[in-house]
Amino acid sequence: MSAAPKKATAKTATPRRDYDRRKKRGPMRKTGRPLWRQPMLLGLAVLLLGCGGGGGWWAWRQGWLVEVQSRVDSVSRSIVGAITPFKLADVTVEGRDYVERSAILAALNVKQGDSLLGVDLQASRQRLEAIDWVAGATVERRLPDTLYVTLRERRAVALWQNGAEYTLIDRNGRTVRASRMPPGAESLLLLGGPGAPEHVGELLLLLAYEPGLTSQLRAAVWVGQRRWNLVLNNGVEIWLPEEDAVAALQKIAKLETQHKLLSREYGVVDIRLPDKLYLRKRGPGDASPGPV
């Protein structure tokens, strides 16, 4: 008989990991400082922030950011203008008496066919107000095709004769670059003498004290960069002093009221000295005085 197979006496062992052979790890230690506490990295961060701030300040001082913004606005207006149907066909100007039309068009910097929506109204207004004789301006779009400009010009108070040239003057002494003489220019006060426009404000203040004499005044000559000679409509000259001109003018007005001094045969009334009055009779060949 064949022998029966022997039963296995030992059970097959289940394999398991040998944890005992692994090195045991102790608790983790922090061997260094945090990144934000590293002196080198912290210094670098401060340096970068400082450069960034300084660069921004420099850009602001140099106008670089303003220039970038201006160019972005310009491109934006160009894009808007390209996709809109409103094209410039006419420029209407209201309030223009002195300023030349060519100067206005140059300040607006536009031409027929430009996009109406692409016009920078604020920049146009600033360029208009940079013209000598413009005190204020507004610029408006009037759809579909018109740019409407309203000017507030300075007012002329006198006409300055400088040799053979005549120039309009406002009360602040600014000269007028006028394309033509405005209506009523012949009634303006005529000024003469080098430097007269710069002192026109003082003259107007002086004349305000005696409106009766002012109504008879035809011209005023600034003499020697220090005083005024007044010329009346009848040709009489009043030589005012350098100082206390108001008191001298009031004295002349009083004498005129009492003695009709200015309507007599005198051609010159010299009141330059405070305690003396000199009168010069008008000769038969005397020319009519006035600015030269």
Protein backbone atom coordinates (compact mmCIF):
# COMPACT_ATOMS: atom_id res chain seq x y z
CA MET A 1 0.00 0.00 0.00
CA SER A 2 1.13 3.36 -0.83
CA ALA A 3 1.68 5.60 2.03
CA ALA A 4 -0.82 8.41 2.51
CA PRO A 5 0.49 11.91 2.16
CA LYS A 6 1.56 13.45 5.33
CA LYS A 7 -0.40 16.35 6.63
CA ALA A 8 1.52 19.56 6.95
CA THR A 9 2.34 20.13 10.49
CA ALA A 10 3.28 23.76 10.21
CA LYS A 11 1.00 26.53 8.97
CA THR A 12 2.32 28.91 6.32
CA ALA A 13 3.33 32.17 8.11
CA THR A 14 1.82 35.49 6.88
CA PRO A 15 4.60 37.92 5.83
CA ARG A 16 4.81 41.14 7.81
CA ARG A 17 6.90 44.32 7.68
CA ASP A 18 9.78 44.46 9.95
CA TYR A 19 9.21 47.81 11.72
CA ASP A 20 11.95 47.08 14.11
CA ARG A 21 14.57 47.55 11.43
CA ARG A 22 13.50 51.19 10.60
CA LYS A 23 15.25 54.00 12.33
CA LYS A 24 13.07 55.83 14.69
CA ARG A 25 12.79 59.59 14.02
CA GLY A 26 12.72 62.02 16.84
CA PRO A 27 10.68 65.24 16.85
CA MET A 28 11.53 67.70 14.04
CA ARG A 29 13.65 70.62 15.02
CA LYS A 30 13.65 74.10 13.48
CA THR A 31 17.21 74.51 12.41
CA GLY A 32 16.94 78.07 11.01
CA ARG A 33 15.03 81.38 11.16
CA PRO A 34 11.84 82.03 9.15
CA LEU A 35 12.37 83.57 5.75
CA TRP A 36 10.97 86.88 6.86
CA ARG A 37 13.53 87.01 9.66
CA GLN A 38 16.53 86.40 7.43
CA PRO A 39 18.50 89.70 7.46
CA MET A 40 19.58 89.42 3.81
CA LEU A 41 16.09 88.69 2.48
CA LEU A 42 14.55 91.37 4.64
CA GLY A 43 17.04 93.94 3.42
CA LEU A 44 16.39 92.94 -0.19
CA ALA A 45 12.65 93.34 0.29
CA VAL A 46 13.09 96.80 1.80
CA LEU A 47 15.39 97.76 -1.04
CA LEU A 48 12.88 96.64 -3.67
CA LEU A 49 10.05 98.48 -1.95
CA GLY A 50 12.17 101.59 -1.70
CA CYS A 51 13.13 101.40 -5.37
CA GLY A 52 9.51 100.91 -6.32
CA GLY A 53 8.40 103.90 -4.28
CA GLY A 54 11.27 106.02 -5.53
CA GLY A 55 10.55 104.99 -9.11
CA GLY A 56 6.92 105.98 -8.70
CA TRP A 57 7.93 109.36 -7.25
CA TRP A 58 10.41 109.91 -10.05
CA ALA A 59 7.77 108.99 -12.65
CA TRP A 60 5.36 111.44 -11.07
CA ARG A 61 7.99 114.21 -10.98
CA GLN A 62 8.92 113.63 -14.57
CA GLY A 63 5.32 113.66 -15.74
CA TRP A 64 5.71 110.19 -17.18
CA LEU A 65 2.46 108.91 -15.70
CA VAL A 66 0.62 112.01 -16.88
CA GLU A 67 2.03 111.52 -20.35
CA VAL A 68 0.97 107.87 -20.40
CA GLN A 69 -2.53 108.81 -19.27
CA SER A 70 -2.71 111.50 -21.92
CA ARG A 71 -1.70 109.07 -24.63
CA VAL A 72 -4.19 106.48 -23.44
CA ASP A 73 -6.93 109.11 -23.53
CA SER A 74 -5.87 110.15 -27.01
CA VAL A 75 -5.95 106.58 -28.29
CA SER A 76 -9.33 106.05 -26.65
CA ARG A 77 -10.74 109.13 -28.35
CA SER A 78 -9.33 107.99 -31.68
CA ILE A 79 -10.97 104.60 -31.32
CA VAL A 80 -14.29 106.14 -30.33
CA GLY A 81 -14.03 108.61 -33.20
CA ALA A 82 -13.32 105.86 -35.70
CA ILE A 83 -16.46 103.92 -34.86
CA THR A 84 -18.87 106.88 -34.57
CA PRO A 85 -20.62 108.62 -37.47
CA PHE A 86 -20.32 112.22 -36.16
CA LYS A 87 -17.83 114.11 -38.33
CA LEU A 88 -16.85 117.77 -37.95
CA ALA A 89 -18.33 120.00 -40.63
CA ASP A 90 -18.42 123.47 -39.00
CA VAL A 91 -16.79 125.53 -36.25
CA THR A 92 -19.00 128.31 -34.84
CA VAL A 93 -17.39 131.07 -32.73
CA GLU A 94 -19.35 133.51 -30.58
CA GLY A 95 -17.92 136.59 -28.84
CA ARG A 96 -14.99 137.24 -31.17
CA ASP A 97 -14.10 140.92 -31.68
CA TYR A 98 -10.30 141.01 -31.55
CA VAL A 99 -8.87 137.52 -31.92
CA GLU A 100 -8.10 136.30 -35.41
CA ARG A 101 -10.05 133.31 -36.67
CA SER A 102 -6.83 131.60 -37.75
CA ALA A 103 -5.56 131.75 -34.14
CA ILE A 104 -8.76 130.08 -32.93
CA LEU A 105 -8.55 127.27 -35.47
CA ALA A 106 -4.89 126.72 -34.63
CA ALA A 107 -5.75 126.45 -30.93
CA LEU A 108 -8.57 123.99 -31.61
CA ASN A 109 -6.27 121.91 -33.86
CA VAL A 110 -9.14 120.41 -35.84
CA LYS A 111 -10.05 120.09 -39.49
CA GLN A 112 -13.12 119.27 -41.46
CA GLY A 113 -13.93 115.57 -41.36
CA ASP A 114 -12.40 114.93 -37.92
CA SER A 115 -14.43 112.93 -35.46
CA LEU A 116 -16.51 115.27 -33.32
CA LEU A 117 -16.38 112.84 -30.40
CA GLY A 118 -12.61 112.60 -30.71
CA VAL A 119 -12.06 116.31 -29.87
CA ASP A 120 -10.53 116.88 -26.44
CA LEU A 121 -12.73 119.73 -25.17
CA GLN A 122 -10.67 120.52 -22.07
CA ALA A 123 -7.37 120.70 -23.94
CA SER A 124 -8.99 122.86 -26.64
CA ARG A 125 -10.31 125.27 -24.01
CA GLN A 126 -6.88 125.56 -22.37
CA ARG A 127 -5.21 126.33 -25.70
CA LEU A 128 -7.80 129.00 -26.47
CA GLU A 129 -7.28 130.67 -23.10
CA ALA A 130 -3.54 130.79 -23.80
CA ILE A 131 -4.23 133.33 -26.58
CA ASP A 132 -3.26 136.80 -25.34
CA TRP A 133 -6.62 138.48 -25.73
CA VAL A 134 -8.83 135.62 -24.49
CA ALA A 135 -9.93 135.88 -20.85
CA GLY A 136 -12.10 132.73 -20.91
CA ALA A 137 -13.52 130.18 -23.32
CA THR A 138 -15.93 127.26 -23.55
CA VAL A 139 -15.95 124.53 -26.20
CA GLU A 140 -19.01 122.36 -26.84
CA ARG A 141 -20.03 119.60 -29.22
CA ARG A 142 -23.29 120.19 -31.00
CA LEU A 143 -24.27 117.01 -32.73
CA PRO A 144 -24.23 115.95 -35.43
CA ASP A 145 -21.38 118.02 -36.94
CA THR A 146 -20.61 121.32 -35.15
CA LEU A 147 -18.00 122.49 -32.67
CA TYR A 148 -19.34 125.55 -30.80
CA VAL A 149 -16.86 127.99 -29.22
CA THR A 150 -17.76 130.87 -26.91
CA LEU A 151 -15.06 133.45 -26.17
CA ARG A 152 -14.85 136.05 -23.42
CA GLU A 153 -12.31 138.55 -24.63
CA ARG A 154 -10.55 141.20 -22.63
CA ARG A 155 -11.89 144.72 -23.05
CA ALA A 156 -9.76 147.50 -24.48
CA VAL A 157 -9.61 150.65 -22.35
CA ALA A 158 -6.96 152.59 -24.26
CA LEU A 159 -5.11 152.86 -27.55
CA TRP A 160 -1.32 153.13 -27.29
CA GLN A 161 0.53 155.10 -29.94
CA ASN A 162 4.10 153.89 -30.27
CA GLY A 163 5.59 155.81 -33.19
CA ALA A 164 3.44 155.03 -36.21
CA GLU A 165 1.93 151.91 -34.61
CA TYR A 166 -1.29 151.72 -32.59
CA THR A 167 -1.98 148.92 -30.12
CA LEU A 168 -5.05 148.22 -28.02
CA ILE A 169 -4.51 147.96 -24.25
CA ASP A 170 -6.64 146.33 -21.57
CA ARG A 171 -6.86 147.58 -17.97
CA ASN A 172 -4.06 145.23 -16.89
CA GLY A 173 -1.68 146.67 -19.47
CA ARG A 174 -1.79 143.69 -21.81
CA THR A 175 -1.44 144.55 -25.48
CA VAL A 176 -3.96 143.37 -28.03
CA ARG A 177 -3.05 141.36 -31.08
CA ALA A 178 -6.17 142.38 -32.92
CA SER A 179 -7.12 141.54 -36.48
CA ARG A 180 -9.00 144.84 -36.75
CA MET A 181 -9.93 147.87 -34.68
CA PRO A 182 -13.13 147.17 -32.75
CA PRO A 183 -16.19 149.40 -33.01
CA GLY A 184 -15.76 152.51 -30.87
CA ALA A 185 -11.95 152.35 -30.88
CA GLU A 186 -11.81 156.00 -31.88
CA SER A 187 -13.36 156.94 -28.52
CA LEU A 188 -10.73 155.08 -26.48
CA LEU A 189 -8.20 157.01 -24.43
CA LEU A 190 -5.02 157.61 -26.43
CA LEU A 191 -1.78 156.75 -24.60
CA GLY A 192 1.73 157.86 -25.46
CA GLY A 193 5.22 157.39 -24.13
CA PRO A 194 7.41 154.33 -23.62
CA GLY A 195 6.07 152.09 -20.84
CA ALA A 196 2.59 153.67 -20.82
CA PRO A 197 0.67 150.34 -21.10
CA GLU A 198 2.27 148.99 -17.91
CA HIS A 199 0.92 151.98 -15.93
CA VAL A 200 -2.57 152.23 -17.42
CA GLY A 201 -4.13 150.72 -14.28
CA GLU A 202 -2.62 153.49 -12.15
CA LEU A 203 -3.91 156.09 -14.62
CA LEU A 204 -7.46 154.74 -14.52
CA LEU A 205 -7.40 154.79 -10.73
CA LEU A 206 -6.16 158.39 -10.78
CA LEU A 207 -8.85 159.54 -13.19
CA ALA A 208 -11.57 157.92 -11.09
CA TYR A 209 -11.07 160.65 -8.47
CA GLU A 210 -12.14 163.43 -10.87
CA PRO A 211 -14.71 162.13 -13.40
CA GLY A 212 -15.46 165.71 -14.51
CA LEU A 213 -11.94 166.10 -15.90
CA THR A 214 -11.93 162.56 -17.20
CA SER A 215 -14.86 163.35 -19.49
CA GLN A 216 -12.72 166.08 -21.12
CA LEU A 217 -9.63 163.89 -21.48
CA ARG A 218 -8.35 163.00 -24.94
CA ALA A 219 -4.89 161.57 -24.29
CA ALA A 220 -2.33 160.81 -21.61
CA VAL A 221 1.45 160.71 -22.05
CA TRP A 222 3.74 158.76 -19.71
CA VAL A 223 6.80 161.01 -19.28
CA GLY A 224 10.26 159.90 -18.21
CA GLN A 225 8.97 156.62 -16.79
CA ARG A 226 7.68 158.49 -13.74
CA ARG A 227 4.64 160.75 -14.30
CA TRP A 228 1.69 161.67 -16.57
CA ASN A 229 0.84 164.60 -18.82
CA LEU A 230 -2.91 164.83 -19.50
CA VAL A 231 -4.19 166.30 -22.77
CA LEU A 232 -7.77 167.61 -22.85
CA ASN A 233 -10.06 167.78 -25.85
CA ASN A 234 -9.42 171.54 -26.24
CA GLY A 235 -5.66 170.96 -26.40
CA VAL A 236 -4.78 172.07 -22.86
CA GLU A 237 -2.01 170.03 -21.24
CA ILE A 238 -1.94 169.30 -17.50
CA TRP A 239 1.52 168.35 -16.24
CA LEU A 240 1.03 166.20 -13.14
CA PRO A 241 3.76 165.56 -10.54
CA GLU A 242 5.47 162.26 -9.93
CA GLU A 243 4.05 162.05 -6.39
CA ASP A 244 0.67 163.11 -5.00
CA ALA A 245 -0.87 163.18 -8.47
CA VAL A 246 -4.36 162.71 -6.97
CA ALA A 247 -4.03 165.86 -4.83
CA ALA A 248 -2.71 167.82 -7.83
CA LEU A 249 -5.59 166.71 -10.02
CA GLN A 250 -8.12 167.65 -7.35
CA LYS A 251 -6.51 171.10 -7.09
CA ILE A 252 -6.85 171.59 -10.84
CA ALA A 253 -10.49 170.53 -10.70
CA LYS A 254 -11.17 173.08 -7.94
CA LEU A 255 -9.48 175.88 -9.92
CA GLU A 256 -11.50 174.95 -12.97
CA THR A 257 -14.73 175.17 -10.99
CA GLN A 258 -13.83 178.54 -9.49
CA HIS A 259 -11.96 180.28 -12.33
CA LYS A 260 -12.55 178.26 -15.53
CA LEU A 261 -8.81 177.84 -15.75
CA LEU A 262 -8.82 175.14 -18.40
CA SER A 263 -11.11 176.98 -20.79
CA ARG A 264 -8.88 180.06 -21.11
CA GLU A 265 -5.94 180.81 -23.41
CA TYR A 266 -3.46 178.69 -21.48
CA GLY A 267 -1.87 175.82 -23.32
CA VAL A 268 0.00 174.25 -20.39
CA VAL A 269 -0.96 174.02 -16.73
CA ASP A 270 2.14 172.89 -14.86
CA ILE A 271 1.41 171.65 -11.35
CA ARG A 272 4.47 169.47 -10.82
CA LEU A 273 5.53 171.44 -7.72
CA PRO A 274 3.23 171.11 -4.69
CA ASP A 275 3.20 174.83 -3.77
CA LYS A 276 3.40 176.44 -7.21
CA LEU A 277 1.31 176.62 -10.35
CA TYR A 278 2.83 177.57 -13.71
CA LEU A 279 0.70 178.64 -16.66
CA ARG A 280 1.93 178.87 -20.23
CA LYS A 281 -0.10 180.74 -22.80
CA ARG A 282 -0.84 179.08 -26.07
CA GLY A 283 1.09 180.62 -28.97
CA PRO A 284 -0.42 181.22 -32.40
CA GLY A 285 1.79 178.60 -34.02
CA ASP A 286 1.47 175.92 -31.36
CA ALA A 287 0.58 172.51 -32.74
CA SER A 288 -2.15 170.47 -31.17
CA PRO A 289 -0.42 168.42 -28.44
CA GLY A 290 -0.76 164.69 -28.08
CA PRO A 291 1.16 161.43 -28.00
CA VAL A 292 4.08 161.02 -30.33
